[in-house]
Amino acid sequence: MRMQTHSHRSTNNPALGQQHNESTASQLAALAIEASSQYLLMQKRQQIDQTMCIIAHDTVSRPSRCSRAGER
């Protein structure tokens, strides 16, 4: 009976619920920022690969690198 009362109290405690929501929101924001950063890094790497392909094509033919740059 005592455990049930404790459990009932903790679920109805607005302060605990708010703390949990803030923590969850903070974690979601951190994940979103990390995902955005990874996506931007991936795009930048693709741009670099494409630039390298263009430079390589202008100086020495390297079809294997050029074909890989477009796939990433």
PDB file of N, CA and C in Angstrom:
ATOM      1  N   MET A   1       0.828  -1.189   0.000  1.00  0.00           N
ATOM      2  CA  MET A   1       0.000   0.000   0.000  1.00  0.00           C
ATOM      3  C   MET A   1       0.870   1.249   0.000  1.00  0.00           C
ATOM      4  N   ARG A   2       1.954   1.195   0.762  1.00  0.00           N
ATOM      5  CA  ARG A   2       2.839   2.358   0.823  1.00  0.00           C
ATOM      6  C   ARG A   2       3.496   2.627  -0.537  1.00  0.00           C
ATOM      7  N   MET A   3       3.945   1.563  -1.225  1.00  0.00           N
ATOM      8  CA  MET A   3       4.554   1.736  -2.540  1.00  0.00           C
ATOM      9  C   MET A   3       3.563   2.348  -3.523  1.00  0.00           C
ATOM     10  N   GLN A   4       2.325   1.908  -3.448  1.00  0.00           N
ATOM     11  CA  GLN A   4       1.314   2.424  -4.355  1.00  0.00           C
ATOM     12  C   GLN A   4       1.110   3.921  -4.115  1.00  0.00           C
ATOM     13  N   THR A   5       1.087   4.340  -2.860  1.00  0.00           N
ATOM     14  CA  THR A   5       0.930   5.757  -2.526  1.00  0.00           C
ATOM     15  C   THR A   5       2.122   6.545  -3.055  1.00  0.00           C
ATOM     16  N   HIS A   6       3.336   6.004  -2.857  1.00  0.00           N
ATOM     17  CA  HIS A   6       4.544   6.679  -3.346  1.00  0.00           C
ATOM     18  C   HIS A   6       4.499   6.808  -4.866  1.00  0.00           C
ATOM     19  N   SER A   7       4.136   5.732  -5.522  1.00  0.00           N
ATOM     20  CA  SER A   7       4.049   5.739  -6.978  1.00  0.00           C
ATOM     21  C   SER A   7       3.010   6.755  -7.442  1.00  0.00           C
ATOM     22  N   HIS A   8       1.897   6.792  -6.751  1.00  0.00           N
ATOM     23  CA  HIS A   8       0.823   7.725  -7.096  1.00  0.00           C
ATOM     24  C   HIS A   8       1.297   9.167  -6.933  1.00  0.00           C
ATOM     25  N   ARG A   9       2.019   9.423  -5.853  1.00  0.00           N
ATOM     26  CA  ARG A   9       2.520  10.780  -5.597  1.00  0.00           C
ATOM     27  C   ARG A   9       3.525  11.219  -6.655  1.00  0.00           C
ATOM     28  N   SER A  10       4.442  10.342  -7.036  1.00  0.00           N
ATOM     29  CA  SER A  10       5.486  10.739  -7.983  1.00  0.00           C
ATOM     30  C   SER A  10       4.912  11.022  -9.369  1.00  0.00           C
ATOM     31  N   THR A  11       3.878  10.306  -9.760  1.00  0.00           N
ATOM     32  CA  THR A  11       3.305  10.560 -11.079  1.00  0.00           C
ATOM     33  C   THR A  11       2.471  11.822 -11.097  1.00  0.00           C
ATOM     34  N   ASN A  12       1.973  12.239  -9.941  1.00  0.00           N
ATOM     35  CA  ASN A  12       1.155  13.448  -9.891  1.00  0.00           C
ATOM     36  C   ASN A  12       1.940  14.669  -9.437  1.00  0.00           C
ATOM     37  N   ASN A  13       3.247  14.552  -9.325  1.00  0.00           N
ATOM     38  CA  ASN A  13       4.074  15.678  -8.897  1.00  0.00           C
ATOM     39  C   ASN A  13       4.438  16.505 -10.124  1.00  0.00           C
ATOM     40  N   PRO A  14       3.840  17.693 -10.271  1.00  0.00           N
ATOM     41  CA  PRO A  14       4.103  18.500 -11.469  1.00  0.00           C
ATOM     42  C   PRO A  14       5.571  18.887 -11.630  1.00  0.00           C
ATOM     43  N   ALA A  15       6.269  19.097 -10.519  1.00  0.00           N
ATOM     44  CA  ALA A  15       7.682  19.487 -10.607  1.00  0.00           C
ATOM     45  C   ALA A  15       8.511  18.369 -11.233  1.00  0.00           C
ATOM     46  N   LEU A  16       8.250  17.133 -10.831  1.00  0.00           N
ATOM     47  CA  LEU A  16       8.988  15.999 -11.406  1.00  0.00           C
ATOM     48  C   LEU A  16       8.645  15.829 -12.877  1.00  0.00           C
ATOM     49  N   GLY A  17       7.390  15.980 -13.216  1.00  0.00           N
ATOM     50  CA  GLY A  17       6.977  15.875 -14.610  1.00  0.00           C
ATOM     51  C   GLY A  17       7.616  16.945 -15.462  1.00  0.00           C
ATOM     52  N   GLN A  18       7.679  18.156 -14.940  1.00  0.00           N
ATOM     53  CA  GLN A  18       8.282  19.265 -15.691  1.00  0.00           C
ATOM     54  C   GLN A  18       9.779  19.030 -15.876  1.00  0.00           C
ATOM     55  N   GLN A  19      10.440  18.566 -14.818  1.00  0.00           N
ATOM     56  CA  GLN A  19      11.880  18.266 -14.923  1.00  0.00           C
ATOM     57  C   GLN A  19      12.122  17.219 -16.003  1.00  0.00           C
ATOM     58  N   HIS A  20      11.295  16.179 -15.999  1.00  0.00           N
ATOM     59  CA  HIS A  20      11.449  15.107 -16.988  1.00  0.00           C
ATOM     60  C   HIS A  20      11.227  15.659 -18.396  1.00  0.00           C
ATOM     61  N   ASN A  21      10.195  16.469 -18.580  1.00  0.00           N
ATOM     62  CA  ASN A  21       9.910  17.043 -19.896  1.00  0.00           C
ATOM     63  C   ASN A  21      11.037  17.953 -20.366  1.00  0.00           C
ATOM     64  N   GLU A  22      11.577  18.766 -19.455  1.00  0.00           N
ATOM     65  CA  GLU A  22      12.685  19.653 -19.819  1.00  0.00           C
ATOM     66  C   GLU A  22      13.914  18.846 -20.205  1.00  0.00           C
ATOM     67  N   SER A  23      14.166  17.782 -19.459  1.00  0.00           N
ATOM     68  CA  SER A  23      15.313  16.926 -19.765  1.00  0.00           C
ATOM     69  C   SER A  23      15.129  16.259 -21.128  1.00  0.00           C
ATOM     70  N   THR A  24      13.926  15.757 -21.378  1.00  0.00           N
ATOM     71  CA  THR A  24      13.641  15.113 -22.662  1.00  0.00           C
ATOM     72  C   THR A  24      13.759  16.116 -23.804  1.00  0.00           C
ATOM     73  N   ALA A  25      13.213  17.312 -23.612  1.00  0.00           N
ATOM     74  CA  ALA A  25      13.294  18.349 -24.647  1.00  0.00           C
ATOM     75  C   ALA A  25      14.741  18.728 -24.912  1.00  0.00           C
ATOM     76  N   SER A  26      15.530  18.819 -23.850  1.00  0.00           N
ATOM     77  CA  SER A  26      16.947  19.159 -23.993  1.00  0.00           C
ATOM     78  C   SER A  26      17.688  18.067 -24.768  1.00  0.00           C
ATOM     79  N   GLN A  27      17.390  16.816 -24.451  1.00  0.00           N
ATOM     80  CA  GLN A  27      18.026  15.704 -25.156  1.00  0.00           C
ATOM     81  C   GLN A  27      17.623  15.686 -26.629  1.00  0.00           C
ATOM     82  N   LEU A  28      16.343  15.953 -26.906  1.00  0.00           N
ATOM     83  CA  LEU A  28      15.884  15.990 -28.296  1.00  0.00           C
ATOM     84  C   LEU A  28      16.547  17.128 -29.057  1.00  0.00           C
ATOM     85  N   ALA A  29      16.689  18.273 -28.409  1.00  0.00           N
ATOM     86  CA  ALA A  29      17.354  19.408 -29.055  1.00  0.00           C
ATOM     87  C   ALA A  29      18.807  19.067 -29.361  1.00  0.00           C
ATOM     88  N   ALA A  30      19.479  18.426 -28.411  1.00  0.00           N
ATOM     89  CA  ALA A  30      20.877  18.039 -28.626  1.00  0.00           C
ATOM     90  C   ALA A  30      20.990  17.048 -29.787  1.00  0.00           C
ATOM     91  N   LEU A  31      20.066  16.099 -29.864  1.00  0.00           N
ATOM     92  CA  LEU A  31      20.080  15.138 -30.973  1.00  0.00           C
ATOM     93  C   LEU A  31      19.824  15.824 -32.307  1.00  0.00           C
ATOM     94  N   ALA A  32      18.900  16.784 -32.314  1.00  0.00           N
ATOM     95  CA  ALA A  32      18.602  17.510 -33.555  1.00  0.00           C
ATOM     96  C   ALA A  32      19.810  18.309 -34.019  1.00  0.00           C
ATOM     97  N   ILE A  33      20.503  18.943 -33.081  1.00  0.00           N
ATOM     98  CA  ILE A  33      21.702  19.715 -33.421  1.00  0.00           C
ATOM     99  C   ILE A  33      22.783  18.787 -33.961  1.00  0.00           C
ATOM    100  N   GLU A  34      22.966  17.655 -33.312  1.00  0.00           N
ATOM    101  CA  GLU A  34      23.970  16.681 -33.758  1.00  0.00           C
ATOM    102  C   GLU A  34      23.642  16.170 -35.162  1.00  0.00           C
ATOM    103  N   ALA A  35      22.369  15.855 -35.399  1.00  0.00           N
ATOM    104  CA  ALA A  35      21.959  15.365 -36.717  1.00  0.00           C
ATOM    105  C   ALA A  35      22.184  16.436 -37.785  1.00  0.00           C
ATOM    106  N   SER A  36      21.853  17.675 -37.462  1.00  0.00           N
ATOM    107  CA  SER A  36      22.061  18.777 -38.414  1.00  0.00           C
ATOM    108  C   SER A  36      23.539  18.938 -38.728  1.00  0.00           C
ATOM    109  N   SER A  37      24.361  18.861 -37.698  1.00  0.00           N
ATOM    110  CA  SER A  37      25.807  18.998 -37.890  1.00  0.00           C
ATOM    111  C   SER A  37      26.345  17.888 -38.782  1.00  0.00           C
ATOM    112  N   GLN A  38      25.904  16.665 -38.517  1.00  0.00           N
ATOM    113  CA  GLN A  38      26.362  15.530 -39.324  1.00  0.00           C
ATOM    114  C   GLN A  38      25.918  15.677 -40.776  1.00  0.00           C
ATOM    115  N   TYR A  39      24.692  16.149 -40.982  1.00  0.00           N
ATOM    116  CA  TYR A  39      24.176  16.338 -42.339  1.00  0.00           C
ATOM    117  C   TYR A  39      24.979  17.406 -43.076  1.00  0.00           C
ATOM    118  N   LEU A  40      25.262  18.520 -42.388  1.00  0.00           N
ATOM    119  CA  LEU A  40      26.042  19.592 -43.014  1.00  0.00           C
ATOM    120  C   LEU A  40      27.463  19.130 -43.332  1.00  0.00           C
ATOM    121  N   LEU A  41      28.056  18.359 -42.435  1.00  0.00           N
ATOM    122  CA  LEU A  41      29.392  17.808 -42.700  1.00  0.00           C
ATOM    123  C   LEU A  41      29.370  16.881 -43.912  1.00  0.00           C
ATOM    124  N   MET A  42      28.336  16.064 -44.004  1.00  0.00           N
ATOM    125  CA  MET A  42      28.216  15.156 -45.145  1.00  0.00           C
ATOM    126  C   MET A  42      28.106  15.951 -46.449  1.00  0.00           C
ATOM    127  N   GLN A  43      27.290  17.006 -46.441  1.00  0.00           N
ATOM    128  CA  GLN A  43      27.153  17.840 -47.639  1.00  0.00           C
ATOM    129  C   GLN A  43      28.482  18.494 -48.005  1.00  0.00           C
ATOM    130  N   LYS A  44      29.195  18.996 -47.000  1.00  0.00           N
ATOM    131  CA  LYS A  44      30.487  19.644 -47.250  1.00  0.00           C
ATOM    132  C   LYS A  44      31.475  18.638 -47.832  1.00  0.00           C
ATOM    133  N   ARG A  45      31.477  17.418 -47.313  1.00  0.00           N
ATOM    134  CA  ARG A  45      32.380  16.390 -47.854  1.00  0.00           C
ATOM    135  C   ARG A  45      32.036  16.065 -49.301  1.00  0.00           C
ATOM    136  N   GLN A  46      30.742  16.035 -49.616  1.00  0.00           N
ATOM    137  CA  GLN A  46      30.336  15.780 -51.001  1.00  0.00           C
ATOM    138  C   GLN A  46      30.819  16.900 -51.913  1.00  0.00           C
ATOM    139  N   GLN A  47      30.704  18.143 -51.444  1.00  0.00           N
ATOM    140  CA  GLN A  47      31.175  19.279 -52.241  1.00  0.00           C
ATOM    141  C   GLN A  47      32.675  19.187 -52.469  1.00  0.00           C
ATOM    142  N   ILE A  48      33.407  18.825 -51.427  1.00  0.00           N
ATOM    143  CA  ILE A  48      34.863  18.688 -51.548  1.00  0.00           C
ATOM    144  C   ILE A  48      35.199  17.573 -52.537  1.00  0.00           C
ATOM    145  N   ASP A  49      34.497  16.430 -52.416  1.00  0.00           N
ATOM    146  CA  ASP A  49      34.736  15.320 -53.344  1.00  0.00           C
ATOM    147  C   ASP A  49      34.456  15.734 -54.782  1.00  0.00           C
ATOM    148  N   GLN A  50      33.366  16.463 -54.993  1.00  0.00           N
ATOM    149  CA  GLN A  50      33.028  16.914 -56.347  1.00  0.00           C
ATOM    150  C   GLN A  50      34.082  17.878 -56.875  1.00  0.00           C
ATOM    151  N   THR A  51      34.547  18.775 -56.008  1.00  0.00           N
ATOM    152  CA  THR A  51      35.593  19.720 -56.411  1.00  0.00           C
ATOM    153  C   THR A  51      36.876  18.979 -56.758  1.00  0.00           C
ATOM    154  N   MET A  52      37.231  18.006 -55.926  1.00  0.00           N
ATOM    155  CA  MET A  52      38.429  17.206 -56.194  1.00  0.00           C
ATOM    156  C   MET A  52      38.280  16.454 -57.517  1.00  0.00           C
ATOM    157  N   CYS A  53      37.097  15.966 -57.790  1.00  0.00           N
ATOM    158  CA  CYS A  53      36.840  15.250 -59.042  1.00  0.00           C
ATOM    159  C   CYS A  53      37.039  16.179 -60.229  1.00  0.00           C
ATOM    160  N   ILE A  54      36.512  17.395 -60.116  1.00  0.00           N
ATOM    161  CA  ILE A  54      36.664  18.375 -61.203  1.00  0.00           C
ATOM    162  C   ILE A  54      38.136  18.714 -61.411  1.00  0.00           C
ATOM    163  N   ILE A  55      38.847  18.948 -60.307  1.00  0.00           N
ATOM    164  CA  ILE A  55      40.276  19.277 -60.399  1.00  0.00           C
ATOM    165  C   ILE A  55      41.037  18.103 -61.010  1.00  0.00           C
ATOM    166  N   ALA A  56      40.754  16.902 -60.530  1.00  0.00           N
ATOM    167  CA  ALA A  56      41.439  15.709 -61.041  1.00  0.00           C
ATOM    168  C   ALA A  56      41.121  15.504 -62.516  1.00  0.00           C
ATOM    169  N   HIS A  57      39.899  15.743 -62.891  1.00  0.00           N
ATOM    170  CA  HIS A  57      39.500  15.565 -64.290  1.00  0.00           C
ATOM    171  C   HIS A  57      40.217  16.567 -65.186  1.00  0.00           C
ATOM    172  N   ASP A  58      40.414  17.778 -64.673  1.00  0.00           N
ATOM    173  CA  ASP A  58      41.098  18.812 -65.456  1.00  0.00           C
ATOM    174  C   ASP A  58      42.591  18.534 -65.602  1.00  0.00           C
ATOM    175  N   THR A  59      43.186  17.863 -64.614  1.00  0.00           N
ATOM    176  CA  THR A  59      44.629  17.634 -64.656  1.00  0.00           C
ATOM    177  C   THR A  59      44.968  16.220 -65.114  1.00  0.00           C
ATOM    178  N   VAL A  60      44.404  15.230 -64.437  1.00  0.00           N
ATOM    179  CA  VAL A  60      44.656  13.820 -64.759  1.00  0.00           C
ATOM    180  C   VAL A  60      43.317  13.093 -64.687  1.00  0.00           C
ATOM    181  N   SER A  61      43.077  12.216 -65.620  1.00  0.00           N
ATOM    182  CA  SER A  61      41.801  11.495 -65.624  1.00  0.00           C
ATOM    183  C   SER A  61      41.760  10.475 -64.494  1.00  0.00           C
ATOM    184  N   ARG A  62      40.763  10.602 -63.597  1.00  0.00           N
ATOM    185  CA  ARG A  62      40.566   9.650 -62.501  1.00  0.00           C
ATOM    186  C   ARG A  62      39.082   9.288 -62.424  1.00  0.00           C
ATOM    187  N   PRO A  63      38.600   8.475 -63.326  1.00  0.00           N
ATOM    188  CA  PRO A  63      37.161   8.182 -63.359  1.00  0.00           C
ATOM    189  C   PRO A  63      36.645   7.465 -62.110  1.00  0.00           C
ATOM    190  N   SER A  64      37.491   6.650 -61.454  1.00  0.00           N
ATOM    191  CA  SER A  64      36.995   5.924 -60.284  1.00  0.00           C
ATOM    192  C   SER A  64      36.636   6.884 -59.150  1.00  0.00           C
ATOM    193  N   ARG A  65      37.455   7.903 -58.908  1.00  0.00           N
ATOM    194  CA  ARG A  65      37.148   8.878 -57.854  1.00  0.00           C
ATOM    195  C   ARG A  65      35.920   9.695 -58.224  1.00  0.00           C
ATOM    196  N   CYS A  66      35.802  10.066 -59.489  1.00  0.00           N
ATOM    197  CA  CYS A  66      34.663  10.870 -59.934  1.00  0.00           C
ATOM    198  C   CYS A  66      33.361  10.103 -59.783  1.00  0.00           C
ATOM    199  N   SER A  67      33.369   8.827 -60.112  1.00  0.00           N
ATOM    200  CA  SER A  67      32.130   8.058 -60.003  1.00  0.00           C
ATOM    201  C   SER A  67      31.738   7.876 -58.541  1.00  0.00           C
ATOM    202  N   ARG A  68      32.715   7.744 -57.636  1.00  0.00           N
ATOM    203  CA  ARG A  68      32.409   7.599 -56.212  1.00  0.00           C
ATOM    204  C   ARG A  68      31.906   8.897 -55.613  1.00  0.00           C
ATOM    205  N   ALA A  69      32.396  10.031 -56.076  1.00  0.00           N
ATOM    206  CA  ALA A  69      32.015  11.321 -55.501  1.00  0.00           C
ATOM    207  C   ALA A  69      30.529  11.577 -55.684  1.00  0.00           C
ATOM    208  N   GLY A  70      29.968  11.150 -56.790  1.00  0.00           N
ATOM    209  CA  GLY A  70      28.552  11.376 -57.034  1.00  0.00           C
ATOM    210  C   GLY A  70      27.642  10.450 -56.250  1.00  0.00           C
ATOM    211  N   GLU A  71      28.185   9.326 -55.770  1.00  0.00           N
ATOM    212  CA  GLU A  71      27.361   8.338 -55.074  1.00  0.00           C
ATOM    213  C   GLU A  71      27.170   8.648 -53.604  1.00  0.00           C
ATOM    214  N   ARG A  72      28.064   9.378 -52.979  1.00  0.00           N
ATOM    215  CA  ARG A  72      27.997   9.608 -51.534  1.00  0.00           C
ATOM    216  C   ARG A  72      26.845  10.437 -51.119  1.00  0.00           C
TER     217      ARG A  72
END
